[in-house]
Structure formats: structure tokens, C-alpha cells
Protein backbone atom coordinates (compact mmCIF):
# COMPACT_ATOMS: atom_id res chain seq x y z
CA UNK A 1 97.01 110.98 107.37
CA UNK A 2 95.78 109.09 104.35
CA UNK A 3 92.14 108.73 103.35
CA UNK A 4 90.54 105.31 103.63
CA UNK A 5 90.81 103.49 100.27
CA UNK A 6 87.18 102.33 100.56
CA UNK A 7 86.07 105.95 100.93
CA UNK A 8 88.07 106.94 97.86
CA UNK A 9 86.28 104.25 95.84
CA UNK A 10 82.85 105.76 96.50
CA UNK A 11 83.66 109.47 96.36
CA UNK A 12 82.68 111.23 93.15
CA UNK A 13 82.77 114.81 91.98
CA UNK A 14 79.50 116.54 92.86
CA UNK A 15 79.61 118.46 89.57
CA UNK A 16 80.13 115.76 86.94
CA UNK A 17 79.77 112.64 89.14
CA UNK A 18 83.06 111.26 87.83
CA UNK A 19 86.03 109.82 89.74
CA UNK A 20 88.51 111.96 91.63
CA UNK A 21 92.28 111.71 92.00
CA UNK A 22 93.61 111.82 95.56
CA UNK A 23 96.83 113.80 95.98
CA UNK A 24 97.96 112.90 99.48
CA UNK A 25 100.95 115.27 99.45
CA UNK A 26 98.69 118.25 98.66
CA UNK A 27 95.72 116.98 100.71
CA UNK A 28 93.17 117.48 97.91
CA UNK A 29 90.86 115.50 95.67
CA UNK A 30 91.29 116.57 92.04
CA UNK A 31 88.88 116.35 89.13
CA UNK A 32 91.23 116.52 86.11
CA UNK A 33 88.31 116.80 83.67
CA UNK A 34 87.05 120.07 85.18
CA UNK A 35 90.50 121.13 86.47
CA UNK A 36 89.29 121.69 90.02
CA UNK A 37 90.29 120.44 93.46
CA UNK A 38 88.31 119.82 96.62
CA UNK A 39 90.13 120.40 99.91
CA UNK A 40 90.51 117.83 102.66
CA UNK A 41 90.26 119.50 106.06
CA UNK A 42 90.92 117.55 109.27
CA UNK A 43 90.83 114.31 107.23
CA UNK A 44 87.34 115.13 105.90
CA UNK A 45 86.84 115.75 102.17
CA UNK A 46 84.92 119.00 101.63
CA UNK A 47 82.80 118.03 98.63
CA UNK A 48 80.92 121.30 98.22
CA UNK A 49 80.88 122.81 94.74
CA UNK A 50 81.45 126.28 96.21
CA UNK A 51 84.64 125.07 97.96
CA UNK A 52 86.29 123.74 94.78
CA UNK A 53 89.32 125.67 93.55
CA UNK A 54 90.98 125.77 90.12
CA UNK A 55 93.66 123.10 89.80
CA UNK A 56 95.74 121.38 87.16
CA UNK A 57 97.65 118.15 87.66
CA UNK A 58 100.69 119.95 86.24
CA UNK A 59 100.70 122.24 89.35
């Protein structure tokens, strides 16, 4: 299931407050500046700093 486009417009990284990139096929929100990803579990973005994992858009 895809995230609501209106939700994606208002979500920001809790660390640097910048925009995130939604990767629907991997079910994550990626911050390419910090090279981290936030998981989406049961269609709910988990925007906790402690839940972020290392990620590169080349992955």
C-alpha cells in the first residue's frame, strides 16, 4: 500500500528537518543527506531517530 501523498508532503526527517524520499518498493523513507532510512510498518512511518538505519540510494 502506498503512503498518502499529502502525508509525504508534511513528513520531515526528525534529525535535520529536511525532506525525505519515499521508496515504495522497499517500504522506507530515506534521508539521502544523512544516508539513513526510516521504516514503514503497517503503513505507519516510524519516525524515531533510534529506529533509523544506515541507507544509501545506491542500495
